[in-house]
Amino acid sequence: MTTVIIKKNENGIYKGFTCMGHAGFAKSGKDIVCAAVSILVINTINSMEELANEDMDIVTNEESGFIDCRLKSVLSKEGILLIDSMILGLSSIAKEYGSKYLALKFEEV
């Protein structure tokens, strides 16, 4: 199962997100759930960096399916919109394929 944890502080300000694990929907290379989650997460990071100029620390491990994004400052409106959009896409995947393959969680940090 893939787990995505969205991290916010007590005021609801985004602090980052972590994606870990492989969905297990199908064999490696044919897992559409894992591919969809990966595309959403990676595109969000790339868009935040290239389009919104957000400052982040990123740690990845492709083998284990681990991506950690830590935000270094308060996001711009564009950065917030990009994370909100990622959450919308992830929520749709979780709803369509079920919590057996994708768990979307929110954590106060």
PDB file of N, CA and C in Angstrom:
ATOM      1  N   MET A   1       0.833  -1.175   0.000  1.00  0.00           N
ATOM      2  CA  MET A   1       0.000   0.000   0.000  1.00  0.00           C
ATOM      3  C   MET A   1       0.885   1.249   0.000  1.00  0.00           C
ATOM      4  N   THR A   2       0.423   2.274  -0.703  1.00  0.00           N
ATOM      5  CA  THR A   2       1.086   3.572  -0.663  1.00  0.00           C
ATOM      6  C   THR A   2       0.389   4.430   0.382  1.00  0.00           C
ATOM      7  N   THR A   3       1.181   5.105   1.192  1.00  0.00           N
ATOM      8  CA  THR A   3       0.649   6.038   2.182  1.00  0.00           C
ATOM      9  C   THR A   3       1.198   7.418   1.876  1.00  0.00           C
ATOM     10  N   VAL A   4       0.303   8.392   1.815  1.00  0.00           N
ATOM     11  CA  VAL A   4       0.704   9.786   1.653  1.00  0.00           C
ATOM     12  C   VAL A   4       0.235  10.535   2.893  1.00  0.00           C
ATOM     13  N   ILE A   5       1.191  11.194   3.545  1.00  0.00           N
ATOM     14  CA  ILE A   5       0.883  11.964   4.753  1.00  0.00           C
ATOM     15  C   ILE A   5       1.093  13.441   4.435  1.00  0.00           C
ATOM     16  N   ILE A   6       0.029  14.215   4.574  1.00  0.00           N
ATOM     17  CA  ILE A   6       0.081  15.662   4.372  1.00  0.00           C
ATOM     18  C   ILE A   6       0.306  16.287   5.749  1.00  0.00           C
ATOM     19  N   LYS A   7       1.344  17.102   5.857  1.00  0.00           N
ATOM     20  CA  LYS A   7       1.712  17.676   7.154  1.00  0.00           C
ATOM     21  C   LYS A   7       1.381  19.159   7.201  1.00  0.00           C
ATOM     22  N   LYS A   8       0.644  19.531   8.257  1.00  0.00           N
ATOM     23  CA  LYS A   8       0.271  20.934   8.498  1.00  0.00           C
ATOM     24  C   LYS A   8       0.580  21.269   9.952  1.00  0.00           C
ATOM     25  N   ASN A   9       0.766  22.548  10.225  1.00  0.00           N
ATOM     26  CA  ASN A   9       0.930  22.946  11.621  1.00  0.00           C
ATOM     27  C   ASN A   9      -0.438  23.185  12.252  1.00  0.00           C
ATOM     28  N   GLU A  10      -0.434  23.615  13.499  1.00  0.00           N
ATOM     29  CA  GLU A  10      -1.695  23.802  14.235  1.00  0.00           C
ATOM     30  C   GLU A  10      -2.584  24.876  13.625  1.00  0.00           C
ATOM     31  N   ASN A  11      -2.017  25.750  12.784  1.00  0.00           N
ATOM     32  CA  ASN A  11      -2.787  26.798  12.116  1.00  0.00           C
ATOM     33  C   ASN A  11      -3.245  26.400  10.721  1.00  0.00           C
ATOM     34  N   GLY A  12      -3.005  25.135  10.352  1.00  0.00           N
ATOM     35  CA  GLY A  12      -3.431  24.646   9.042  1.00  0.00           C
ATOM     36  C   GLY A  12      -2.490  25.022   7.908  1.00  0.00           C
ATOM     37  N   ILE A  13      -1.281  25.471   8.244  1.00  0.00           N
ATOM     38  CA  ILE A  13      -0.287  25.856   7.239  1.00  0.00           C
ATOM     39  C   ILE A  13       0.470  24.605   6.796  1.00  0.00           C
ATOM     40  N   TYR A  14       0.561  24.392   5.486  1.00  0.00           N
ATOM     41  CA  TYR A  14       1.297  23.241   4.975  1.00  0.00           C
ATOM     42  C   TYR A  14       2.758  23.313   5.384  1.00  0.00           C
ATOM     43  N   LYS A  15       3.287  22.177   5.854  1.00  0.00           N
ATOM     44  CA  LYS A  15       4.703  22.071   6.223  1.00  0.00           C
ATOM     45  C   LYS A  15       5.436  21.058   5.347  1.00  0.00           C
ATOM     46  N   GLY A  16       4.683  20.233   4.626  1.00  0.00           N
ATOM     47  CA  GLY A  16       5.284  19.268   3.733  1.00  0.00           C
ATOM     48  C   GLY A  16       4.399  18.054   3.547  1.00  0.00           C
ATOM     49  N   PHE A  17       4.952  17.042   2.901  1.00  0.00           N
ATOM     50  CA  PHE A  17       4.225  15.787   2.718  1.00  0.00           C
ATOM     51  C   PHE A  17       5.220  14.658   2.485  1.00  0.00           C
ATOM     52  N   THR A  18       4.768  13.449   2.804  1.00  0.00           N
ATOM     53  CA  THR A  18       5.583  12.246   2.632  1.00  0.00           C
ATOM     54  C   THR A  18       4.756  11.201   1.905  1.00  0.00           C
ATOM     55  N   CYS A  19       5.390  10.561   0.937  1.00  0.00           N
ATOM     56  CA  CYS A  19       4.774   9.465   0.184  1.00  0.00           C
ATOM     57  C   CYS A  19       5.668   8.250   0.385  1.00  0.00           C
ATOM     58  N   MET A  20       5.075   7.118   0.760  1.00  0.00           N
ATOM     59  CA  MET A  20       5.900   5.934   0.990  1.00  0.00           C
ATOM     60  C   MET A  20       5.180   4.658   0.609  1.00  0.00           C
ATOM     61  N   GLY A  21       5.954   3.731   0.112  1.00  0.00           N
ATOM     62  CA  GLY A  21       5.442   2.418  -0.226  1.00  0.00           C
ATOM     63  C   GLY A  21       4.979   2.305  -1.667  1.00  0.00           C
ATOM     64  N   HIS A  22       4.696   1.084  -2.063  1.00  0.00           N
ATOM     65  CA  HIS A  22       4.172   0.788  -3.392  1.00  0.00           C
ATOM     66  C   HIS A  22       2.739   0.288  -3.239  1.00  0.00           C
ATOM     67  N   ALA A  23       1.877   0.694  -4.149  1.00  0.00           N
ATOM     68  CA  ALA A  23       0.447   0.409  -4.028  1.00  0.00           C
ATOM     69  C   ALA A  23       0.136  -1.085  -4.014  1.00  0.00           C
ATOM     70  N   GLY A  24       0.807  -1.863  -4.840  1.00  0.00           N
ATOM     71  CA  GLY A  24       0.521  -3.295  -4.882  1.00  0.00           C
ATOM     72  C   GLY A  24      -0.740  -3.642  -5.644  1.00  0.00           C
ATOM     73  N   PHE A  25      -1.207  -2.740  -6.496  1.00  0.00           N
ATOM     74  CA  PHE A  25      -2.404  -2.994  -7.304  1.00  0.00           C
ATOM     75  C   PHE A  25      -2.121  -4.022  -8.397  1.00  0.00           C
ATOM     76  N   ALA A  26      -0.896  -3.975  -8.936  1.00  0.00           N
ATOM     77  CA  ALA A  26      -0.479  -4.905  -9.993  1.00  0.00           C
ATOM     78  C   ALA A  26       1.036  -5.076  -9.909  1.00  0.00           C
ATOM     79  N   LYS A  27       1.580  -5.913 -10.783  1.00  0.00           N
ATOM     80  CA  LYS A  27       3.029  -6.135 -10.824  1.00  0.00           C
ATOM     81  C   LYS A  27       3.751  -4.825 -11.138  1.00  0.00           C
ATOM     82  N   SER A  28       4.998  -4.763 -10.709  1.00  0.00           N
ATOM     83  CA  SER A  28       5.841  -3.606 -11.002  1.00  0.00           C
ATOM     84  C   SER A  28       5.868  -3.361 -12.508  1.00  0.00           C
ATOM     85  N   GLY A  29       5.686  -2.102 -12.883  1.00  0.00           N
ATOM     86  CA  GLY A  29       5.642  -1.738 -14.289  1.00  0.00           C
ATOM     87  C   GLY A  29       4.241  -1.719 -14.874  1.00  0.00           C
ATOM     88  N   LYS A  30       3.292  -2.318 -14.159  1.00  0.00           N
ATOM     89  CA  LYS A  30       1.902  -2.359 -14.623  1.00  0.00           C
ATOM     90  C   LYS A  30       0.929  -1.810 -13.575  1.00  0.00           C
ATOM     91  N   ASP A  31       1.474  -1.276 -12.504  1.00  0.00           N
ATOM     92  CA  ASP A  31       0.661  -0.802 -11.381  1.00  0.00           C
ATOM     93  C   ASP A  31       0.188   0.625 -11.650  1.00  0.00           C
ATOM     94  N   ILE A  32      -1.047   0.747 -12.138  1.00  0.00           N
ATOM     95  CA  ILE A  32      -1.573   2.072 -12.502  1.00  0.00           C
ATOM     96  C   ILE A  32      -1.823   2.954 -11.284  1.00  0.00           C
ATOM     97  N   VAL A  33      -2.120   2.359 -10.144  1.00  0.00           N
ATOM     98  CA  VAL A  33      -2.332   3.158  -8.927  1.00  0.00           C
ATOM     99  C   VAL A  33      -1.008   3.771  -8.484  1.00  0.00           C
ATOM    100  N   CYS A  34       0.032   2.957  -8.439  1.00  0.00           N
ATOM    101  CA  CYS A  34       1.353   3.449  -8.037  1.00  0.00           C
ATOM    102  C   CYS A  34       1.831   4.525  -9.017  1.00  0.00           C
ATOM    103  N   ALA A  35       1.629   4.290 -10.301  1.00  0.00           N
ATOM    104  CA  ALA A  35       2.045   5.265 -11.319  1.00  0.00           C
ATOM    105  C   ALA A  35       1.285   6.580 -11.160  1.00  0.00           C
ATOM    106  N   ALA A  36      -0.004   6.502 -10.933  1.00  0.00           N
ATOM    107  CA  ALA A  36      -0.815   7.719 -10.794  1.00  0.00           C
ATOM    108  C   ALA A  36      -0.385   8.527  -9.571  1.00  0.00           C
ATOM    109  N   VAL A  37      -0.166   7.851  -8.445  1.00  0.00           N
ATOM    110  CA  VAL A  37       0.272   8.537  -7.225  1.00  0.00           C
ATOM    111  C   VAL A  37       1.641   9.180  -7.454  1.00  0.00           C
ATOM    112  N   SER A  38       2.544   8.426  -8.056  1.00  0.00           N
ATOM    113  CA  SER A  38       3.889   8.948  -8.323  1.00  0.00           C
ATOM    114  C   SER A  38       3.839  10.188  -9.207  1.00  0.00           C
ATOM    115  N   ILE A  39       3.048  10.133 -10.250  1.00  0.00           N
ATOM    116  CA  ILE A  39       2.936  11.279 -11.159  1.00  0.00           C
ATOM    117  C   ILE A  39       2.399  12.499 -10.422  1.00  0.00           C
ATOM    118  N   LEU A  40       1.363  12.321  -9.639  1.00  0.00           N
ATOM    119  CA  LEU A  40       0.797  13.457  -8.905  1.00  0.00           C
ATOM    120  C   LEU A  40       1.812  14.067  -7.940  1.00  0.00           C
ATOM    121  N   VAL A  41       2.484  13.228  -7.174  1.00  0.00           N
ATOM    122  CA  VAL A  41       3.432  13.710  -6.164  1.00  0.00           C
ATOM    123  C   VAL A  41       4.639  14.382  -6.826  1.00  0.00           C
ATOM    124  N   ILE A  42       5.230  13.707  -7.805  1.00  0.00           N
ATOM    125  CA  ILE A  42       6.425  14.255  -8.457  1.00  0.00           C
ATOM    126  C   ILE A  42       6.086  15.525  -9.238  1.00  0.00           C
ATOM    127  N   ASN A  43       4.957  15.536  -9.937  1.00  0.00           N
ATOM    128  CA  ASN A  43       4.566  16.736 -10.677  1.00  0.00           C
ATOM    129  C   ASN A  43       4.281  17.901  -9.736  1.00  0.00           C
ATOM    130  N   THR A  44       3.714  17.621  -8.583  1.00  0.00           N
ATOM    131  CA  THR A  44       3.472  18.693  -7.609  1.00  0.00           C
ATOM    132  C   THR A  44       4.794  19.292  -7.145  1.00  0.00           C
ATOM    133  N   ILE A  45       5.757  18.454  -6.823  1.00  0.00           N
ATOM    134  CA  ILE A  45       7.066  18.949  -6.391  1.00  0.00           C
ATOM    135  C   ILE A  45       7.720  19.762  -7.503  1.00  0.00           C
ATOM    136  N   ASN A  46       7.723  19.214  -8.729  1.00  0.00           N
ATOM    137  CA  ASN A  46       8.329  19.935  -9.852  1.00  0.00           C
ATOM    138  C   ASN A  46       7.627  21.261 -10.121  1.00  0.00           C
ATOM    139  N   SER A  47       6.308  21.270 -10.061  1.00  0.00           N
ATOM    140  CA  SER A  47       5.543  22.496 -10.307  1.00  0.00           C
ATOM    141  C   SER A  47       5.770  23.535  -9.216  1.00  0.00           C
ATOM    142  N   MET A  48       5.838  23.070  -7.964  1.00  0.00           N
ATOM    143  CA  MET A  48       6.094  24.006  -6.864  1.00  0.00           C
ATOM    144  C   MET A  48       7.463  24.663  -7.027  1.00  0.00           C
ATOM    145  N   GLU A  49       8.413  23.884  -7.507  1.00  0.00           N
ATOM    146  CA  GLU A  49       9.774  24.388  -7.689  1.00  0.00           C
ATOM    147  C   GLU A  49       9.872  25.313  -8.905  1.00  0.00           C
ATOM    148  N   GLU A  50       9.361  24.859 -10.045  1.00  0.00           N
ATOM    149  CA  GLU A  50       9.518  25.588 -11.305  1.00  0.00           C
ATOM    150  C   GLU A  50       8.518  26.730 -11.495  1.00  0.00           C
ATOM    151  N   LEU A  51       7.277  26.529 -11.094  1.00  0.00           N
ATOM    152  CA  LEU A  51       6.235  27.516 -11.373  1.00  0.00           C
ATOM    153  C   LEU A  51       5.965  28.465 -10.209  1.00  0.00           C
ATOM    154  N   ALA A  52       6.115  27.959  -8.980  1.00  0.00           N
ATOM    155  CA  ALA A  52       5.799  28.782  -7.809  1.00  0.00           C
ATOM    156  C   ALA A  52       7.048  29.206  -7.042  1.00  0.00           C
ATOM    157  N   ASN A  53       8.219  28.735  -7.480  1.00  0.00           N
ATOM    158  CA  ASN A  53       9.495  29.095  -6.841  1.00  0.00           C
ATOM    159  C   ASN A  53       9.515  28.823  -5.342  1.00  0.00           C
ATOM    160  N   GLU A  54       8.929  27.704  -4.937  1.00  0.00           N
ATOM    161  CA  GLU A  54       8.901  27.347  -3.524  1.00  0.00           C
ATOM    162  C   GLU A  54      10.246  26.737  -3.121  1.00  0.00           C
ATOM    163  N   ASP A  55      10.632  26.966  -1.879  1.00  0.00           N
ATOM    164  CA  ASP A  55      11.893  26.453  -1.337  1.00  0.00           C
ATOM    165  C   ASP A  55      11.593  25.208  -0.505  1.00  0.00           C
ATOM    166  N   MET A  56      12.185  24.056  -0.913  1.00  0.00           N
ATOM    167  CA  MET A  56      11.872  22.780  -0.285  1.00  0.00           C
ATOM    168  C   MET A  56      13.128  21.944  -0.136  1.00  0.00           C
ATOM    169  N   ASP A  57      13.086  21.012   0.807  1.00  0.00           N
ATOM    170  CA  ASP A  57      14.075  19.949   0.907  1.00  0.00           C
ATOM    171  C   ASP A  57      13.371  18.667   0.486  1.00  0.00           C
ATOM    172  N   ILE A  58      13.986  17.927  -0.436  1.00  0.00           N
ATOM    173  CA  ILE A  58      13.390  16.698  -0.944  1.00  0.00           C
ATOM    174  C   ILE A  58      14.344  15.538  -0.669  1.00  0.00           C
ATOM    175  N   VAL A  59      13.794  14.448  -0.128  1.00  0.00           N
ATOM    176  CA  VAL A  59      14.542  13.211   0.075  1.00  0.00           C
ATOM    177  C   VAL A  59      13.764  12.111  -0.634  1.00  0.00           C
ATOM    178  N   THR A  60      14.471  11.281  -1.439  1.00  0.00           N
ATOM    179  CA  THR A  60      13.792  10.210  -2.168  1.00  0.00           C
ATOM    180  C   THR A  60      14.551   8.898  -2.067  1.00  0.00           C
ATOM    181  N   ASN A  61      13.804   7.806  -2.221  1.00  0.00           N
ATOM    182  CA  ASN A  61      14.369   6.472  -2.362  1.00  0.00           C
ATOM    183  C   ASN A  61      13.433   5.724  -3.304  1.00  0.00           C
ATOM    184  N   GLU A  62      13.840   5.634  -4.567  1.00  0.00           N
ATOM    185  CA  GLU A  62      12.980   5.045  -5.591  1.00  0.00           C
ATOM    186  C   GLU A  62      12.635   3.587  -5.308  1.00  0.00           C
ATOM    187  N   GLU A  63      13.587   2.829  -4.802  1.00  0.00           N
ATOM    188  CA  GLU A  63      13.356   1.412  -4.523  1.00  0.00           C
ATOM    189  C   GLU A  63      12.211   1.186  -3.542  1.00  0.00           C
ATOM    190  N   SER A  64      12.200   1.967  -2.480  1.00  0.00           N
ATOM    191  CA  SER A  64      11.166   1.786  -1.456  1.00  0.00           C
ATOM    192  C   SER A  64       9.924   2.638  -1.717  1.00  0.00           C
ATOM    193  N   GLY A  65       9.981   3.494  -2.730  1.00  0.00           N
ATOM    194  CA  GLY A  65       8.834   4.348  -3.030  1.00  0.00           C
ATOM    195  C   GLY A  65       8.681   5.503  -2.052  1.00  0.00           C
ATOM    196  N   PHE A  66       9.804   5.992  -1.538  1.00  0.00           N
ATOM    197  CA  PHE A  66       9.780   7.049  -0.514  1.00  0.00           C
ATOM    198  C   PHE A  66      10.094   8.410  -1.128  1.00  0.00           C
ATOM    199  N   ILE A  67       9.237   9.376  -0.856  1.00  0.00           N
ATOM    200  CA  ILE A  67       9.470  10.776  -1.226  1.00  0.00           C
ATOM    201  C   ILE A  67       9.052  11.632  -0.036  1.00  0.00           C
ATOM    202  N   ASP A  68       9.970  12.457   0.445  1.00  0.00           N
ATOM    203  CA  ASP A  68       9.657  13.369   1.548  1.00  0.00           C
ATOM    204  C   ASP A  68       9.924  14.792   1.077  1.00  0.00           C
ATOM    205  N   CYS A  69       8.934  15.649   1.220  1.00  0.00           N
ATOM    206  CA  CYS A  69       9.038  17.049   0.830  1.00  0.00           C
ATOM    207  C   CYS A  69       8.811  17.905   2.076  1.00  0.00           C
ATOM    208  N   ARG A  70       9.845  18.657   2.453  1.00  0.00           N
ATOM    209  CA  ARG A  70       9.737  19.553   3.608  1.00  0.00           C
ATOM    210  C   ARG A  70       9.830  20.988   3.122  1.00  0.00           C
ATOM    211  N   LEU A  71       8.812  21.750   3.432  1.00  0.00           N
ATOM    212  CA  LEU A  71       8.753  23.143   2.992  1.00  0.00           C
ATOM    213  C   LEU A  71       9.579  24.017   3.921  1.00  0.00           C
ATOM    214  N   LYS A  72      10.386  24.891   3.336  1.00  0.00           N
ATOM    215  CA  LYS A  72      11.276  25.733   4.138  1.00  0.00           C
ATOM    216  C   LYS A  72      10.628  27.040   4.561  1.00  0.00           C
ATOM    217  N   SER A  73       9.511  27.399   3.938  1.00  0.00           N
ATOM    218  CA  SER A  73       8.831  28.651   4.287  1.00  0.00           C
ATOM    219  C   SER A  73       7.336  28.511   4.009  1.00  0.00           C
ATOM    220  N   VAL A  74       6.596  29.518   4.386  1.00  0.00           N
ATOM    221  CA  VAL A  74       5.155  29.529   4.131  1.00  0.00           C
ATOM    222  C   VAL A  74       4.941  29.596   2.622  1.00  0.00           C
ATOM    223  N   LEU A  75       4.024  28.781   2.126  1.00  0.00           N
ATOM    224  CA  LEU A  75       3.769  28.715   0.692  1.00  0.00           C
ATOM    225  C   LEU A  75       3.063  29.956   0.158  1.00  0.00           C
ATOM    226  N   SER A  76       3.330  30.241  -1.089  1.00  0.00           N
ATOM    227  CA  SER A  76       2.580  31.267  -1.818  1.00  0.00           C
ATOM    228  C   SER A  76       1.183  30.713  -2.121  1.00  0.00           C
ATOM    229  N   LYS A  77       0.302  31.572  -2.635  1.00  0.00           N
ATOM    230  CA  LYS A  77      -1.034  31.112  -3.035  1.00  0.00           C
ATOM    231  C   LYS A  77      -0.926  30.026  -4.103  1.00  0.00           C
ATOM    232  N   GLU A  78       0.040  30.178  -5.004  1.00  0.00           N
ATOM    233  CA  GLU A  78       0.231  29.186  -6.063  1.00  0.00           C
ATOM    234  C   GLU A  78       0.680  27.843  -5.480  1.00  0.00           C
ATOM    235  N   GLY A  79       1.586  27.887  -4.518  1.00  0.00           N
ATOM    236  CA  GLY A  79       2.052  26.663  -3.875  1.00  0.00           C
ATOM    237  C   GLY A  79       0.932  25.944  -3.143  1.00  0.00           C
ATOM    238  N   ILE A  80       0.102  26.711  -2.463  1.00  0.00           N
ATOM    239  CA  ILE A  80      -1.058  26.128  -1.761  1.00  0.00           C
ATOM    240  C   ILE A  80      -1.993  25.463  -2.758  1.00  0.00           C
ATOM    241  N   LEU A  81      -2.260  26.146  -3.859  1.00  0.00           N
ATOM    242  CA  LEU A  81      -3.138  25.596  -4.893  1.00  0.00           C
ATOM    243  C   LEU A  81      -2.575  24.290  -5.454  1.00  0.00           C
ATOM    244  N   LEU A  82      -1.271  24.235  -5.666  1.00  0.00           N
ATOM    245  CA  LEU A  82      -0.657  23.016  -6.194  1.00  0.00           C
ATOM    246  C   LEU A  82      -0.797  21.843  -5.223  1.00  0.00           C
ATOM    247  N   ILE A  83      -0.587  22.077  -3.935  1.00  0.00           N
ATOM    248  CA  ILE A  83      -0.769  20.984  -2.958  1.00  0.00           C
ATOM    249  C   ILE A  83      -2.239  20.612  -2.846  1.00  0.00           C
ATOM    250  N   ASP A  84      -3.124  21.601  -2.833  1.00  0.00           N
ATOM    251  CA  ASP A  84      -4.561  21.303  -2.809  1.00  0.00           C
ATOM    252  C   ASP A  84      -4.960  20.443  -4.011  1.00  0.00           C
ATOM    253  N   SER A  85      -4.394  20.748  -5.173  1.00  0.00           N
ATOM    254  CA  SER A  85      -4.683  19.985  -6.383  1.00  0.00           C
ATOM    255  C   SER A  85      -4.162  18.550  -6.263  1.00  0.00           C
ATOM    256  N   MET A  86      -2.962  18.381  -5.698  1.00  0.00           N
ATOM    257  CA  MET A  86      -2.422  17.041  -5.481  1.00  0.00           C
ATOM    258  C   MET A  86      -3.346  16.244  -4.558  1.00  0.00           C
ATOM    259  N   ILE A  87      -3.802  16.876  -3.481  1.00  0.00           N
ATOM    260  CA  ILE A  87      -4.694  16.204  -2.530  1.00  0.00           C
ATOM    261  C   ILE A  87      -5.999  15.803  -3.211  1.00  0.00           C
ATOM    262  N   LEU A  88      -6.535  16.663  -4.059  1.00  0.00           N
ATOM    263  CA  LEU A  88      -7.757  16.347  -4.796  1.00  0.00           C
ATOM    264  C   LEU A  88      -7.543  15.100  -5.662  1.00  0.00           C
ATOM    265  N   GLY A  89      -6.435  15.064  -6.395  1.00  0.00           N
ATOM    266  CA  GLY A  89      -6.133  13.903  -7.230  1.00  0.00           C
ATOM    267  C   GLY A  89      -5.929  12.637  -6.420  1.00  0.00           C
ATOM    268  N   LEU A  90      -5.189  12.739  -5.329  1.00  0.00           N
ATOM    269  CA  LEU A  90      -4.960  11.576  -4.468  1.00  0.00           C
ATOM    270  C   LEU A  90      -6.259  11.082  -3.844  1.00  0.00           C
ATOM    271  N   SER A  91      -7.109  12.006  -3.440  1.00  0.00           N
ATOM    272  CA  SER A  91      -8.417  11.634  -2.861  1.00  0.00           C
ATOM    273  C   SER A  91      -9.258  10.872  -3.878  1.00  0.00           C
ATOM    274  N   SER A  92      -9.215  11.314  -5.122  1.00  0.00           N
ATOM    275  CA  SER A  92      -9.963  10.635  -6.190  1.00  0.00           C
ATOM    276  C   SER A  92      -9.446   9.220  -6.416  1.00  0.00           C
ATOM    277  N   ILE A  93      -8.126   9.054  -6.390  1.00  0.00           N
ATOM    278  CA  ILE A  93      -7.536   7.719  -6.558  1.00  0.00           C
ATOM    279  C   ILE A  93      -7.936   6.822  -5.392  1.00  0.00           C
ATOM    280  N   ALA A  94      -7.846   7.336  -4.164  1.00  0.00           N
ATOM    281  CA  ALA A  94      -8.221   6.547  -2.981  1.00  0.00           C
ATOM    282  C   ALA A  94      -9.687   6.145  -3.033  1.00  0.00           C
ATOM    283  N   LYS A  95     -10.522   7.046  -3.488  1.00  0.00           N
ATOM    284  CA  LYS A  95     -11.959   6.765  -3.578  1.00  0.00           C
ATOM    285  C   LYS A  95     -12.232   5.705  -4.644  1.00  0.00           C
ATOM    286  N   GLU A  96     -11.564   5.813  -5.781  1.00  0.00           N
ATOM    287  CA  GLU A  96     -11.778   4.897  -6.906  1.00  0.00           C
ATOM    288  C   GLU A  96     -11.226   3.494  -6.635  1.00  0.00           C
ATOM    289  N   TYR A  97     -10.021   3.410  -6.040  1.00  0.00           N
ATOM    290  CA  TYR A  97      -9.345   2.115  -5.897  1.00  0.00           C
ATOM    291  C   TYR A  97      -9.342   1.575  -4.471  1.00  0.00           C
ATOM    292  N   GLY A  98      -9.680   2.407  -3.504  1.00  0.00           N
ATOM    293  CA  GLY A  98      -9.830   1.946  -2.132  1.00  0.00           C
ATOM    294  C   GLY A  98      -8.585   2.072  -1.276  1.00  0.00           C
ATOM    295  N   SER A  99      -8.805   2.014   0.028  1.00  0.00           N
ATOM    296  CA  SER A  99      -7.739   2.199   1.007  1.00  0.00           C
ATOM    297  C   SER A  99      -6.786   1.004   1.064  1.00  0.00           C
ATOM    298  N   LYS A 100      -7.108  -0.064   0.371  1.00  0.00           N
ATOM    299  CA  LYS A 100      -6.201  -1.205   0.288  1.00  0.00           C
ATOM    300  C   LYS A 100      -4.922  -0.821  -0.475  1.00  0.00           C
ATOM    301  N   TYR A 101      -5.038   0.154  -1.373  1.00  0.00           N
ATOM    302  CA  TYR A 101      -3.920   0.536  -2.233  1.00  0.00           C
ATOM    303  C   TYR A 101      -3.345   1.910  -1.925  1.00  0.00           C
ATOM    304  N   LEU A 102      -4.177   2.818  -1.402  1.00  0.00           N
ATOM    305  CA  LEU A 102      -3.722   4.174  -1.106  1.00  0.00           C
ATOM    306  C   LEU A 102      -4.387   4.695   0.163  1.00  0.00           C
ATOM    307  N   ALA A 103      -3.548   5.103   1.118  1.00  0.00           N
ATOM    308  CA  ALA A 103      -4.039   5.746   2.331  1.00  0.00           C
ATOM    309  C   ALA A 103      -3.574   7.197   2.298  1.00  0.00           C
ATOM    310  N   LEU A 104      -4.502   8.120   2.377  1.00  0.00           N
ATOM    311  CA  LEU A 104      -4.216   9.545   2.421  1.00  0.00           C
ATOM    312  C   LEU A 104      -4.497  10.015   3.838  1.00  0.00           C
ATOM    313  N   LYS A 105      -3.442  10.500   4.509  1.00  0.00           N
ATOM    314  CA  LYS A 105      -3.558  10.885   5.911  1.00  0.00           C
ATOM    315  C   LYS A 105      -3.108  12.337   6.092  1.00  0.00           C
ATOM    316  N   PHE A 106      -3.590  12.941   7.171  1.00  0.00           N
ATOM    317  CA  PHE A 106      -3.212  14.307   7.515  1.00  0.00           C
ATOM    318  C   PHE A 106      -2.643  14.297   8.919  1.00  0.00           C
ATOM    319  N   GLU A 107      -1.547  15.017   9.105  1.00  0.00           N
ATOM    320  CA  GLU A 107      -0.842  14.996  10.383  1.00  0.00           C
ATOM    321  C   GLU A 107      -0.489  16.417  10.800  1.00  0.00           C
ATOM    322  N   GLU A 108      -0.709  16.709  12.082  1.00  0.00           N
ATOM    323  CA  GLU A 108      -0.291  18.013  12.613  1.00  0.00           C
ATOM    324  C   GLU A 108       1.137  17.903  13.103  1.00  0.00           C
ATOM    325  N   VAL A 109       1.961  18.835  12.644  1.00  0.00           N
ATOM    326  CA  VAL A 109       3.383  18.823  13.033  1.00  0.00           C
ATOM    327  C   VAL A 109       3.775  20.131  13.695  1.00  0.00           C
TER     328      VAL A 109
END
